[in-house]
């Protein structure tokens, strides 16, 4: 970013942003970095999502999916490749965490391949009391075999 470029604005996502968000995340889905989202799923995430806007273009997105009063997840974090390493991702994460705090959500989690980035944002593998998230892919034959 040059000094002539205006700083990006982080704002709540709006329904009119849905197509722009879907276009923004598409390359990340194609690269296997984000899970695919239908337009309907993106529209649902908009209600608790935030966009980064620079020069009237949506250049970043993240959403807080709220599962309960206890748990939420940051979903679909994406920043345009040419806008990365400018702090937009961490600002989007902060907006999501602030929304969780405002709604008195106890824990926010993230499933990611960008461990260092999220650790820099304050996330860790364990919570007080050594709570950890564990995962299984129920569609794999090994997972089904392990359950028997």
N, C-alpha and C. Protein backbone atom coordinates (compact mmCIF):
# COMPACT_ATOMS: atom_id res chain seq x y z
N UNK A 1 0.85 -1.18 0.00
CA UNK A 1 0.00 0.00 0.00
C UNK A 1 0.90 1.23 0.00
N UNK A 2 0.62 2.15 -0.88
CA UNK A 2 1.37 3.40 -0.90
C UNK A 2 0.65 4.41 -0.04
N UNK A 3 1.35 5.49 0.28
CA UNK A 3 0.73 6.50 1.15
C UNK A 3 -0.45 7.18 0.47
N UNK A 4 -0.55 7.10 -0.86
CA UNK A 4 -1.67 7.73 -1.57
C UNK A 4 -2.95 6.91 -1.46
N UNK A 5 -2.84 5.61 -1.12
CA UNK A 5 -4.01 4.76 -1.00
C UNK A 5 -4.68 4.97 0.35
N UNK A 6 -6.01 5.10 0.36
CA UNK A 6 -6.70 5.24 1.65
C UNK A 6 -6.66 3.92 2.41
N UNK A 7 -6.68 4.02 3.74
CA UNK A 7 -6.72 2.83 4.57
C UNK A 7 -8.07 2.15 4.38
N UNK A 8 -8.09 0.86 4.53
CA UNK A 8 -9.34 0.11 4.40
C UNK A 8 -10.21 0.34 5.63
N UNK A 9 -11.48 0.26 5.42
CA UNK A 9 -12.47 0.39 6.48
C UNK A 9 -13.00 -1.00 6.79
N UNK A 10 -13.13 -1.31 8.07
CA UNK A 10 -13.78 -2.56 8.50
C UNK A 10 -15.18 -2.16 8.95
N UNK A 11 -16.18 -2.82 8.37
CA UNK A 11 -17.56 -2.51 8.72
C UNK A 11 -18.38 -3.79 8.73
N UNK A 12 -19.55 -3.76 9.40
CA UNK A 12 -20.41 -4.94 9.34
C UNK A 12 -20.81 -5.23 7.89
N UNK A 13 -20.83 -6.50 7.55
CA UNK A 13 -21.26 -6.91 6.21
C UNK A 13 -22.74 -6.62 6.05
N UNK A 14 -23.13 -6.35 4.83
CA UNK A 14 -24.53 -6.07 4.49
C UNK A 14 -25.01 -7.10 3.47
N UNK A 15 -26.31 -7.35 3.39
CA UNK A 15 -26.82 -8.30 2.39
C UNK A 15 -26.35 -7.99 0.97
N UNK A 16 -26.21 -6.71 0.64
CA UNK A 16 -25.75 -6.33 -0.70
C UNK A 16 -24.31 -6.76 -0.97
N UNK A 17 -23.56 -7.13 0.07
CA UNK A 17 -22.17 -7.56 -0.08
C UNK A 17 -22.05 -9.04 -0.45
N UNK A 18 -23.14 -9.79 -0.41
CA UNK A 18 -23.08 -11.25 -0.55
C UNK A 18 -22.33 -11.70 -1.79
N UNK A 19 -22.66 -11.18 -2.95
CA UNK A 19 -22.00 -11.61 -4.20
C UNK A 19 -20.52 -11.25 -4.18
N UNK A 20 -20.18 -10.09 -3.64
CA UNK A 20 -18.77 -9.68 -3.57
C UNK A 20 -17.99 -10.59 -2.62
N UNK A 21 -18.62 -10.97 -1.53
CA UNK A 21 -17.96 -11.87 -0.56
C UNK A 21 -17.75 -13.24 -1.21
N UNK A 22 -18.77 -13.75 -1.88
CA UNK A 22 -18.66 -15.04 -2.55
C UNK A 22 -17.52 -15.01 -3.57
N UNK A 23 -17.40 -13.93 -4.32
CA UNK A 23 -16.31 -13.79 -5.30
C UNK A 23 -14.96 -13.70 -4.60
N UNK A 24 -14.90 -13.01 -3.48
CA UNK A 24 -13.66 -12.87 -2.73
C UNK A 24 -13.15 -14.22 -2.22
N UNK A 25 -14.04 -15.04 -1.68
CA UNK A 25 -13.60 -16.30 -1.08
C UNK A 25 -13.38 -17.40 -2.11
N UNK A 26 -13.91 -17.26 -3.32
CA UNK A 26 -13.81 -18.31 -4.35
C UNK A 26 -12.37 -18.78 -4.59
N UNK A 27 -11.38 -17.89 -4.76
CA UNK A 27 -10.02 -18.39 -4.98
C UNK A 27 -9.46 -19.17 -3.79
N UNK A 28 -9.89 -18.82 -2.59
CA UNK A 28 -9.44 -19.53 -1.39
C UNK A 28 -10.07 -20.93 -1.33
N UNK A 29 -11.31 -21.04 -1.79
CA UNK A 29 -11.97 -22.34 -1.87
C UNK A 29 -11.27 -23.19 -2.93
N UNK A 30 -11.01 -22.58 -4.10
CA UNK A 30 -10.34 -23.30 -5.19
C UNK A 30 -8.96 -23.82 -4.76
N UNK A 31 -8.28 -23.07 -3.91
CA UNK A 31 -6.95 -23.46 -3.43
C UNK A 31 -7.02 -24.43 -2.25
N UNK A 32 -8.23 -24.75 -1.78
CA UNK A 32 -8.39 -25.67 -0.66
C UNK A 32 -8.12 -25.03 0.69
N UNK A 33 -8.08 -23.71 0.75
CA UNK A 33 -7.80 -23.01 2.01
C UNK A 33 -9.06 -22.71 2.80
N UNK A 34 -10.20 -22.65 2.12
CA UNK A 34 -11.50 -22.45 2.78
C UNK A 34 -12.46 -23.52 2.28
N UNK A 35 -13.43 -23.84 3.13
CA UNK A 35 -14.47 -24.76 2.72
C UNK A 35 -15.42 -24.06 1.75
N UNK A 36 -15.95 -24.81 0.80
CA UNK A 36 -16.92 -24.20 -0.13
C UNK A 36 -18.13 -23.67 0.62
N UNK A 37 -18.68 -22.58 0.12
CA UNK A 37 -19.89 -21.96 0.69
C UNK A 37 -20.86 -21.68 -0.44
N UNK A 38 -22.10 -22.06 -0.25
CA UNK A 38 -23.13 -21.68 -1.22
C UNK A 38 -23.46 -20.21 -1.00
N UNK A 39 -24.14 -19.62 -1.96
CA UNK A 39 -24.56 -18.22 -1.81
C UNK A 39 -25.45 -18.08 -0.58
N UNK A 40 -26.29 -19.09 -0.33
CA UNK A 40 -27.17 -19.05 0.85
C UNK A 40 -26.34 -19.07 2.14
N UNK A 41 -25.29 -19.89 2.17
CA UNK A 41 -24.43 -19.93 3.36
C UNK A 41 -23.72 -18.60 3.57
N UNK A 42 -23.24 -18.01 2.49
CA UNK A 42 -22.60 -16.69 2.60
C UNK A 42 -23.61 -15.68 3.11
N UNK A 43 -24.81 -15.71 2.58
CA UNK A 43 -25.86 -14.78 3.01
C UNK A 43 -26.12 -14.94 4.51
N UNK A 44 -26.13 -16.17 5.01
CA UNK A 44 -26.33 -16.41 6.44
C UNK A 44 -25.17 -15.85 7.27
N UNK A 45 -23.94 -15.97 6.76
CA UNK A 45 -22.77 -15.46 7.49
C UNK A 45 -22.72 -13.93 7.53
N UNK A 46 -23.35 -13.28 6.57
CA UNK A 46 -23.34 -11.81 6.50
C UNK A 46 -23.90 -11.19 7.78
N UNK A 47 -24.88 -11.84 8.38
CA UNK A 47 -25.54 -11.27 9.57
C UNK A 47 -24.56 -11.03 10.72
N UNK A 48 -23.52 -11.85 10.80
CA UNK A 48 -22.52 -11.68 11.87
C UNK A 48 -21.12 -11.58 11.26
N UNK A 49 -21.07 -11.02 10.06
CA UNK A 49 -19.80 -10.89 9.35
C UNK A 49 -19.34 -9.46 9.23
N UNK A 50 -18.09 -9.33 8.84
CA UNK A 50 -17.46 -8.03 8.65
C UNK A 50 -16.70 -8.04 7.33
N UNK A 51 -16.68 -6.90 6.67
CA UNK A 51 -15.91 -6.76 5.44
C UNK A 51 -14.86 -5.68 5.62
N UNK A 52 -13.76 -5.86 4.89
CA UNK A 52 -12.75 -4.81 4.75
C UNK A 52 -13.00 -4.20 3.38
N UNK A 53 -13.13 -2.89 3.34
CA UNK A 53 -13.43 -2.18 2.09
C UNK A 53 -12.34 -1.15 1.84
N UNK A 54 -11.80 -1.20 0.64
CA UNK A 54 -10.81 -0.20 0.21
C UNK A 54 -11.22 0.26 -1.19
N UNK A 55 -11.29 1.55 -1.37
CA UNK A 55 -11.70 2.13 -2.67
C UNK A 55 -13.01 1.52 -3.16
N UNK A 56 -13.95 1.36 -2.25
CA UNK A 56 -15.29 0.84 -2.51
C UNK A 56 -15.32 -0.63 -2.92
N UNK A 57 -14.17 -1.32 -2.86
CA UNK A 57 -14.12 -2.75 -3.18
C UNK A 57 -14.01 -3.56 -1.90
N UNK A 58 -14.73 -4.68 -1.83
CA UNK A 58 -14.62 -5.60 -0.70
C UNK A 58 -13.33 -6.39 -0.90
N UNK A 59 -12.37 -6.19 0.02
CA UNK A 59 -11.06 -6.83 -0.09
C UNK A 59 -10.81 -7.82 1.05
N UNK A 60 -11.76 -7.95 1.97
CA UNK A 60 -11.60 -8.89 3.07
C UNK A 60 -12.95 -9.22 3.68
N UNK A 61 -13.00 -10.40 4.33
CA UNK A 61 -14.24 -10.85 4.98
C UNK A 61 -13.90 -11.82 6.09
N UNK A 62 -14.69 -11.78 7.14
CA UNK A 62 -14.68 -12.79 8.20
C UNK A 62 -16.04 -12.75 8.86
N UNK A 63 -16.47 -13.90 9.37
CA UNK A 63 -17.76 -13.97 10.05
C UNK A 63 -17.62 -14.72 11.36
N UNK A 64 -18.48 -14.38 12.28
CA UNK A 64 -18.57 -15.07 13.56
C UNK A 64 -19.82 -15.93 13.50
N UNK A 65 -19.65 -17.24 13.43
CA UNK A 65 -20.81 -18.12 13.47
C UNK A 65 -21.05 -18.48 14.93
N UNK A 66 -22.21 -18.11 15.42
CA UNK A 66 -22.54 -18.30 16.83
C UNK A 66 -23.32 -19.61 16.98
N UNK A 67 -22.73 -20.54 17.73
CA UNK A 67 -23.36 -21.83 17.96
C UNK A 67 -24.23 -21.82 19.20
N UNK A 68 -23.81 -21.09 20.23
CA UNK A 68 -24.55 -21.01 21.48
C UNK A 68 -24.02 -19.82 22.26
N UNK A 69 -24.57 -19.59 23.46
CA UNK A 69 -24.05 -18.51 24.32
C UNK A 69 -22.64 -18.83 24.79
N UNK A 70 -22.22 -20.09 24.62
CA UNK A 70 -20.90 -20.48 25.08
C UNK A 70 -19.85 -20.49 23.98
N UNK A 71 -20.24 -20.75 22.73
CA UNK A 71 -19.26 -21.02 21.69
C UNK A 71 -19.62 -20.39 20.35
N UNK A 72 -18.60 -19.80 19.72
CA UNK A 72 -18.72 -19.27 18.36
C UNK A 72 -17.44 -19.61 17.62
N UNK A 73 -17.51 -19.51 16.30
CA UNK A 73 -16.35 -19.83 15.45
C UNK A 73 -16.15 -18.72 14.43
N UNK A 74 -14.90 -18.34 14.22
CA UNK A 74 -14.59 -17.42 13.13
C UNK A 74 -14.55 -18.24 11.86
N UNK A 75 -15.32 -17.81 10.86
CA UNK A 75 -15.47 -18.55 9.62
C UNK A 75 -15.08 -17.70 8.42
N UNK A 76 -14.58 -18.37 7.41
CA UNK A 76 -14.37 -17.80 6.07
C UNK A 76 -13.52 -16.53 6.06
N UNK A 77 -12.48 -16.48 6.88
CA UNK A 77 -11.57 -15.34 6.85
C UNK A 77 -10.81 -15.36 5.53
N UNK A 78 -10.93 -14.28 4.77
CA UNK A 78 -10.23 -14.15 3.50
C UNK A 78 -9.88 -12.68 3.27
N UNK A 79 -8.68 -12.46 2.79
CA UNK A 79 -8.23 -11.12 2.40
C UNK A 79 -7.61 -11.25 1.01
N UNK A 80 -8.00 -10.38 0.10
CA UNK A 80 -7.45 -10.41 -1.26
C UNK A 80 -5.94 -10.50 -1.21
N UNK A 81 -5.38 -11.29 -2.09
CA UNK A 81 -3.94 -11.53 -2.07
C UNK A 81 -3.14 -10.23 -2.09
N UNK A 82 -3.56 -9.27 -2.88
CA UNK A 82 -2.81 -8.01 -2.98
C UNK A 82 -3.01 -7.10 -1.77
N UNK A 83 -3.88 -7.50 -0.84
CA UNK A 83 -4.14 -6.69 0.36
C UNK A 83 -3.64 -7.40 1.63
N UNK A 84 -2.99 -8.54 1.47
CA UNK A 84 -2.51 -9.28 2.63
C UNK A 84 -1.27 -8.61 3.22
N UNK A 85 -1.04 -8.91 4.50
CA UNK A 85 0.11 -8.39 5.27
C UNK A 85 0.02 -6.88 5.51
N UNK A 86 -1.22 -6.37 5.50
CA UNK A 86 -1.46 -4.96 5.80
C UNK A 86 -2.27 -4.80 7.08
N UNK A 87 -2.54 -5.91 7.77
CA UNK A 87 -3.27 -5.86 9.03
C UNK A 87 -4.77 -6.04 8.90
N UNK A 88 -5.27 -6.25 7.68
CA UNK A 88 -6.72 -6.38 7.50
C UNK A 88 -7.26 -7.66 8.13
N UNK A 89 -6.55 -8.76 7.99
CA UNK A 89 -7.00 -10.02 8.59
C UNK A 89 -7.13 -9.92 10.09
N UNK A 90 -6.13 -9.34 10.73
CA UNK A 90 -6.19 -9.22 12.19
C UNK A 90 -7.29 -8.24 12.61
N UNK A 91 -7.55 -7.22 11.82
CA UNK A 91 -8.64 -6.30 12.14
C UNK A 91 -10.00 -6.99 11.98
N UNK A 92 -10.14 -7.85 10.99
CA UNK A 92 -11.38 -8.61 10.82
C UNK A 92 -11.58 -9.59 11.96
N UNK A 93 -10.51 -10.26 12.37
CA UNK A 93 -10.59 -11.19 13.51
C UNK A 93 -10.99 -10.42 14.77
N UNK A 94 -10.38 -9.26 14.99
CA UNK A 94 -10.71 -8.45 16.17
C UNK A 94 -12.19 -8.05 16.16
N UNK A 95 -12.72 -7.69 14.99
CA UNK A 95 -14.13 -7.33 14.91
C UNK A 95 -15.01 -8.51 15.31
N UNK A 96 -14.64 -9.70 14.88
CA UNK A 96 -15.40 -10.90 15.26
C UNK A 96 -15.31 -11.18 16.76
N UNK A 97 -14.10 -11.08 17.31
CA UNK A 97 -13.90 -11.32 18.74
C UNK A 97 -14.65 -10.27 19.56
N UNK A 98 -14.62 -9.02 19.09
CA UNK A 98 -15.35 -7.96 19.80
C UNK A 98 -16.85 -8.22 19.77
N UNK A 99 -17.37 -8.72 18.65
CA UNK A 99 -18.79 -9.07 18.58
C UNK A 99 -19.11 -10.19 19.56
N UNK A 100 -18.23 -11.19 19.65
CA UNK A 100 -18.44 -12.27 20.61
C UNK A 100 -18.46 -11.74 22.04
N UNK A 101 -17.54 -10.83 22.35
CA UNK A 101 -17.50 -10.24 23.69
C UNK A 101 -18.78 -9.45 23.96
N UNK A 102 -19.24 -8.70 22.98
CA UNK A 102 -20.46 -7.90 23.15
C UNK A 102 -21.68 -8.79 23.39
N UNK A 103 -21.65 -9.99 22.85
CA UNK A 103 -22.76 -10.94 23.02
C UNK A 103 -22.51 -11.92 24.16
N UNK A 104 -21.47 -11.66 24.94
CA UNK A 104 -21.13 -12.48 26.11
C UNK A 104 -20.87 -13.94 25.77
N UNK A 105 -20.31 -14.19 24.61
CA UNK A 105 -19.93 -15.55 24.22
C UNK A 105 -18.67 -15.91 24.99
N UNK A 106 -18.62 -17.11 25.55
CA UNK A 106 -17.51 -17.50 26.41
C UNK A 106 -16.25 -17.88 25.64
N UNK A 107 -16.39 -18.56 24.49
CA UNK A 107 -15.23 -19.05 23.77
C UNK A 107 -15.42 -18.85 22.27
N UNK A 108 -14.34 -18.48 21.60
CA UNK A 108 -14.33 -18.36 20.15
C UNK A 108 -13.24 -19.28 19.63
N UNK A 109 -13.60 -20.10 18.66
CA UNK A 109 -12.63 -21.03 18.10
C UNK A 109 -12.42 -20.73 16.62
N UNK A 110 -11.38 -21.34 16.07
CA UNK A 110 -11.12 -21.23 14.65
C UNK A 110 -10.49 -22.55 14.20
N UNK A 111 -10.91 -23.02 13.04
CA UNK A 111 -10.29 -24.17 12.40
C UNK A 111 -9.50 -23.58 11.23
N UNK A 112 -8.18 -23.81 11.22
CA UNK A 112 -7.35 -23.08 10.27
C UNK A 112 -6.11 -23.85 9.86
N UNK A 113 -5.58 -23.47 8.72
CA UNK A 113 -4.25 -23.93 8.30
C UNK A 113 -3.24 -22.81 8.50
N UNK A 114 -3.69 -21.68 9.05
CA UNK A 114 -2.82 -20.51 9.29
C UNK A 114 -2.58 -20.33 10.78
N UNK A 115 -1.96 -21.34 11.37
CA UNK A 115 -1.76 -21.37 12.82
C UNK A 115 -1.03 -20.14 13.34
N UNK A 116 0.06 -19.76 12.71
CA UNK A 116 0.86 -18.63 13.21
C UNK A 116 0.04 -17.35 13.22
N UNK A 117 -0.72 -17.11 12.16
CA UNK A 117 -1.54 -15.90 12.10
C UNK A 117 -2.49 -15.84 13.30
N UNK A 118 -3.22 -16.92 13.55
CA UNK A 118 -4.20 -16.89 14.64
C UNK A 118 -3.54 -16.87 16.01
N UNK A 119 -2.39 -17.51 16.15
CA UNK A 119 -1.66 -17.40 17.42
C UNK A 119 -1.26 -15.95 17.64
N UNK A 120 -0.85 -15.25 16.59
CA UNK A 120 -0.51 -13.83 16.70
C UNK A 120 -1.73 -12.98 17.07
N UNK A 121 -2.92 -13.48 16.76
CA UNK A 121 -4.17 -12.79 17.13
C UNK A 121 -4.64 -13.15 18.53
N UNK A 122 -3.88 -14.01 19.23
CA UNK A 122 -4.22 -14.35 20.61
C UNK A 122 -4.85 -15.71 20.80
N UNK A 123 -5.05 -16.47 19.73
CA UNK A 123 -5.62 -17.81 19.85
C UNK A 123 -4.54 -18.78 20.29
N UNK A 124 -4.96 -19.87 20.95
CA UNK A 124 -4.02 -20.88 21.39
C UNK A 124 -4.69 -22.24 21.28
N UNK A 125 -3.91 -23.30 21.43
CA UNK A 125 -4.44 -24.65 21.32
C UNK A 125 -5.26 -25.06 22.52
N UNK A 126 -5.02 -24.47 23.65
CA UNK A 126 -5.73 -24.86 24.85
C UNK A 126 -6.38 -23.64 25.48
N UNK A 127 -7.40 -23.91 26.25
CA UNK A 127 -8.09 -22.89 27.05
C UNK A 127 -7.78 -23.18 28.51
N UNK A 128 -8.09 -22.26 29.40
CA UNK A 128 -7.88 -22.55 30.81
C UNK A 128 -8.50 -23.90 31.18
N UNK A 129 -7.80 -24.64 31.99
CA UNK A 129 -8.25 -25.98 32.33
C UNK A 129 -7.81 -27.01 31.31
N UNK A 130 -6.92 -26.59 30.39
CA UNK A 130 -6.36 -27.49 29.38
C UNK A 130 -7.40 -28.06 28.43
N UNK A 131 -8.50 -27.33 28.17
CA UNK A 131 -9.49 -27.79 27.20
C UNK A 131 -8.91 -27.67 25.80
N UNK A 132 -9.10 -28.73 25.00
CA UNK A 132 -8.62 -28.74 23.62
C UNK A 132 -9.76 -29.17 22.70
N UNK A 133 -9.73 -28.68 21.47
CA UNK A 133 -10.68 -29.14 20.47
C UNK A 133 -10.07 -30.33 19.75
N UNK A 134 -10.83 -31.40 19.60
CA UNK A 134 -10.41 -32.58 18.86
C UNK A 134 -11.40 -32.79 17.72
N UNK A 135 -10.93 -33.36 16.62
CA UNK A 135 -11.77 -33.49 15.43
C UNK A 135 -11.72 -34.90 14.87
N UNK A 136 -12.78 -35.26 14.15
CA UNK A 136 -12.84 -36.50 13.39
C UNK A 136 -13.61 -36.19 12.11
N UNK A 137 -13.22 -36.82 11.01
CA UNK A 137 -13.96 -36.71 9.75
C UNK A 137 -14.80 -37.98 9.61
N UNK A 138 -16.09 -37.90 9.91
CA UNK A 138 -16.93 -39.10 9.94
C UNK A 138 -17.07 -39.79 8.59
N UNK A 139 -16.73 -39.12 7.50
CA UNK A 139 -16.87 -39.73 6.18
C UNK A 139 -15.72 -40.66 5.82
N UNK A 140 -14.63 -40.65 6.60
CA UNK A 140 -13.49 -41.50 6.26
C UNK A 140 -13.69 -42.91 6.81
N UNK A 141 -13.23 -43.88 6.07
CA UNK A 141 -13.37 -45.26 6.51
C UNK A 141 -12.56 -45.52 7.78
N UNK A 142 -11.41 -44.86 7.93
CA UNK A 142 -10.60 -45.06 9.14
C UNK A 142 -11.36 -44.57 10.37
N UNK A 143 -12.07 -43.44 10.25
CA UNK A 143 -12.82 -42.92 11.39
C UNK A 143 -13.92 -43.91 11.77
N UNK A 144 -14.60 -44.46 10.80
CA UNK A 144 -15.65 -45.42 11.10
C UNK A 144 -15.06 -46.68 11.74
N UNK A 145 -13.89 -47.11 11.27
CA UNK A 145 -13.24 -48.30 11.84
C UNK A 145 -12.80 -48.04 13.28
N UNK A 146 -12.30 -46.84 13.56
CA UNK A 146 -11.85 -46.50 14.91
C UNK A 146 -13.00 -46.51 15.92
N UNK A 147 -14.20 -46.27 15.46
CA UNK A 147 -15.36 -46.21 16.34
C UNK A 147 -15.90 -47.61 16.69
N UNK A 148 -15.42 -48.63 16.01
CA UNK A 148 -15.92 -50.00 16.25
C UNK A 148 -14.99 -50.77 17.15
